[in-house]
Amino acid sequence: YSIPVDSEQEYCCCNGKTRKLKNVFEKCDLKARYRVCTFKWSDLNILNEILSLQKDDISTHVYIEVDMNGVWIKVDPTWDIGLKDILPVAEWDGRSDTVLAVSPIKVYSVEESERIMNQCSPENANEIREYHANYFDIAFNKWLEDNRPVAR
């Protein structure tokens, strides 16, 4: 996971990861849909020095729901396994909901979630990256890097 802050970086935030996962599910002939919610950054276990750089505590988050035998199951690929000691990393058993990366304040309808994701399409990714190129995002990415175990 990282928040893209320039056009050279891959889109590895929740938005980019859920798009990739939705494509994987659909290639496996599974129905999948986006769910967008709002959350508070301050609800995560992040250093106060980093949180103080955030312009707005409330932000949006996206995860996937996949239809498993007529039941919509939540799957959130946001945090990578290297962050398991500091953030709620999801492990999926293929049958039940995963833990969500954030604590939702409000979950948008399926239709509204789709509309929001269409507005944040890969076609306008550079515009989104420019919006995210701020001190919080840079500091948050560094904090994540510093807290991942070093591969040996």
Protein backbone atom coordinates (compact mmCIF):
# COMPACT_ATOMS: atom_id res chain seq x y z
CA TYR A 1 0.00 0.00 0.00
CA SER A 2 1.06 3.54 -0.74
CA ILE A 3 -0.71 6.72 -1.73
CA PRO A 4 0.46 7.79 -5.20
CA VAL A 5 1.90 11.30 -5.05
CA ASP A 6 3.21 11.63 -8.61
CA SER A 7 2.43 10.25 -12.06
CA GLU A 8 5.35 7.78 -11.91
CA GLN A 9 3.92 5.81 -9.00
CA GLU A 10 1.62 2.83 -9.39
CA TYR A 11 -1.90 3.27 -8.03
CA CYS A 12 -1.45 1.07 -4.93
CA CYS A 13 -3.94 2.72 -2.60
CA CYS A 14 -7.36 1.23 -1.84
CA ASN A 15 -8.75 2.56 -5.15
CA GLY A 16 -6.12 0.91 -7.33
CA LYS A 17 -6.07 -2.34 -5.39
CA THR A 18 -9.85 -2.78 -5.43
CA ARG A 19 -9.95 -2.14 -9.18
CA LYS A 20 -7.39 -4.90 -9.71
CA LEU A 21 -9.19 -7.31 -7.40
CA LYS A 22 -12.57 -6.61 -9.05
CA ASN A 23 -10.99 -7.47 -12.43
CA VAL A 24 -9.62 -10.73 -11.00
CA PHE A 25 -13.02 -11.72 -9.61
CA GLU A 26 -14.74 -10.91 -12.89
CA LYS A 27 -12.18 -12.94 -14.88
CA CYS A 28 -13.12 -15.84 -12.60
CA ASP A 29 -16.80 -15.27 -13.52
CA LEU A 30 -17.68 -13.91 -10.08
CA LYS A 31 -19.91 -10.87 -9.66
CA ALA A 32 -18.12 -8.08 -7.82
CA ARG A 33 -19.03 -4.52 -6.92
CA TYR A 34 -17.43 -1.51 -5.30
CA ARG A 35 -18.47 -0.21 -1.90
CA VAL A 36 -17.33 3.24 -0.86
CA CYS A 37 -17.42 4.47 2.70
CA THR A 38 -16.18 7.40 4.74
CA PHE A 39 -13.82 6.99 7.69
CA LYS A 40 -11.61 9.01 10.04
CA TRP A 41 -7.85 8.83 9.66
CA SER A 42 -7.65 9.46 13.42
CA ASP A 43 -9.35 6.08 14.01
CA LEU A 44 -6.26 4.34 12.60
CA ASN A 45 -3.17 3.65 14.65
CA ILE A 46 -1.11 6.44 13.03
CA LEU A 47 1.40 8.73 14.74
CA ASN A 48 -0.08 12.06 15.82
CA GLU A 49 2.74 13.93 14.07
CA ILE A 50 1.53 12.46 10.77
CA LEU A 51 -2.16 12.98 11.54
CA SER A 52 -1.52 16.66 12.26
CA LEU A 53 -0.48 17.06 8.60
CA GLN A 54 -3.87 15.86 7.33
CA LYS A 55 -6.14 18.59 5.93
CA ASP A 56 -9.31 16.70 6.73
CA ASP A 57 -9.73 13.82 9.17
CA ILE A 58 -12.63 12.36 7.17
CA SER A 59 -11.80 10.62 3.92
CA THR A 60 -13.24 7.98 1.60
CA HIS A 61 -12.28 4.35 1.29
CA VAL A 62 -13.28 1.64 -1.19
CA TYR A 63 -13.47 -2.12 -0.84
CA ILE A 64 -15.09 -4.93 -2.85
CA GLU A 65 -18.16 -7.04 -2.34
CA VAL A 66 -18.14 -10.35 -4.19
CA ASP A 67 -21.19 -12.56 -4.73
CA MET A 68 -20.50 -15.97 -3.22
CA ASN A 69 -23.52 -18.22 -3.81
CA GLY A 70 -25.99 -15.35 -3.55
CA VAL A 71 -24.36 -13.68 -0.53
CA TRP A 72 -22.38 -10.46 -0.91
CA ILE A 73 -19.07 -10.89 0.95
CA LYS A 74 -16.79 -7.94 1.87
CA VAL A 75 -13.19 -8.26 0.71
CA ASP A 76 -10.70 -5.48 1.46
CA PRO A 77 -7.24 -5.78 -0.15
CA THR A 78 -5.97 -2.42 1.14
CA TRP A 79 -3.18 -3.07 3.63
CA ASP A 80 -0.38 -5.42 2.59
CA ILE A 81 0.86 -8.22 4.84
CA GLY A 82 3.95 -6.23 5.84
CA LEU A 83 1.67 -3.86 7.79
CA LYS A 84 0.00 -6.56 9.90
CA ASP A 85 1.60 -5.33 13.12
CA ILE A 86 0.20 -1.81 12.81
CA LEU A 87 -2.97 -1.96 10.67
CA PRO A 88 -5.90 -4.39 10.19
CA VAL A 89 -4.64 -6.56 7.34
CA ALA A 90 -7.37 -8.73 5.80
CA GLU A 91 -7.02 -12.47 5.36
CA TRP A 92 -9.76 -14.00 3.24
CA ASP A 93 -11.01 -17.56 3.61
CA GLY A 94 -13.07 -17.33 0.40
CA ARG A 95 -16.35 -17.68 2.29
CA SER A 96 -16.79 -14.86 4.81
CA ASP A 97 -16.19 -11.14 5.17
CA THR A 98 -12.67 -9.89 5.70
CA VAL A 99 -11.85 -7.24 8.22
CA LEU A 100 -12.13 -3.79 6.65
CA ALA A 101 -9.07 -1.57 6.49
CA VAL A 102 -10.98 1.25 8.20
CA SER A 103 -13.97 1.71 10.51
CA PRO A 104 -16.74 3.02 8.25
CA ILE A 105 -18.71 6.06 9.33
CA LYS A 106 -21.07 5.92 6.35
CA VAL A 107 -21.29 3.26 3.63
CA TYR A 108 -22.65 4.52 0.33
CA SER A 109 -25.22 2.57 -1.68
CA VAL A 110 -24.04 0.28 -4.46
CA GLU A 111 -25.19 2.83 -7.05
CA GLU A 112 -23.51 5.77 -5.32
CA SER A 113 -20.33 3.73 -4.82
CA GLU A 114 -20.22 2.96 -8.56
CA ARG A 115 -20.73 6.65 -9.40
CA ILE A 116 -17.91 7.69 -7.05
CA MET A 117 -15.57 5.08 -8.53
CA ASN A 118 -16.40 6.26 -12.06
CA GLN A 119 -15.38 9.79 -11.01
CA CYS A 120 -12.07 8.40 -9.71
CA SER A 121 -11.32 6.42 -12.84
CA PRO A 122 -7.79 5.57 -14.01
CA GLU A 123 -8.28 8.13 -16.78
CA ASN A 124 -8.13 10.95 -14.23
CA ALA A 125 -5.51 9.30 -12.01
CA ASN A 126 -2.96 12.08 -12.56
CA GLU A 127 -5.46 14.67 -11.34
CA ILE A 128 -6.06 12.53 -8.24
CA ARG A 129 -2.30 12.14 -7.69
CA GLU A 130 -1.86 15.91 -7.83
CA TYR A 131 -4.56 16.29 -5.18
CA HIS A 132 -2.78 13.73 -2.99
CA ALA A 133 0.68 15.26 -3.37
CA ASN A 134 0.66 16.77 0.11
CA TYR A 135 2.70 16.47 3.26
CA PHE A 136 0.34 13.99 4.93
CA ASP A 137 0.48 11.52 2.05
CA ILE A 138 4.25 11.72 1.76
CA ALA A 139 4.69 11.35 5.54
CA PHE A 140 2.15 8.50 5.69
CA ASN A 141 3.92 6.60 2.89
CA LYS A 142 7.26 7.02 4.69
CA TRP A 143 5.75 5.85 7.99
CA LEU A 144 4.39 2.73 6.24
CA GLU A 145 7.80 2.03 4.69
CA ASP A 146 9.52 2.48 8.06
CA ASN A 147 7.08 0.05 9.73
CA ARG A 148 7.28 -2.79 7.20
CA PRO A 149 9.72 -5.53 8.12
CA VAL A 150 12.87 -5.55 6.05
CA ALA A 151 12.92 -8.46 3.58
CA ARG A 152 15.88 -10.78 4.14
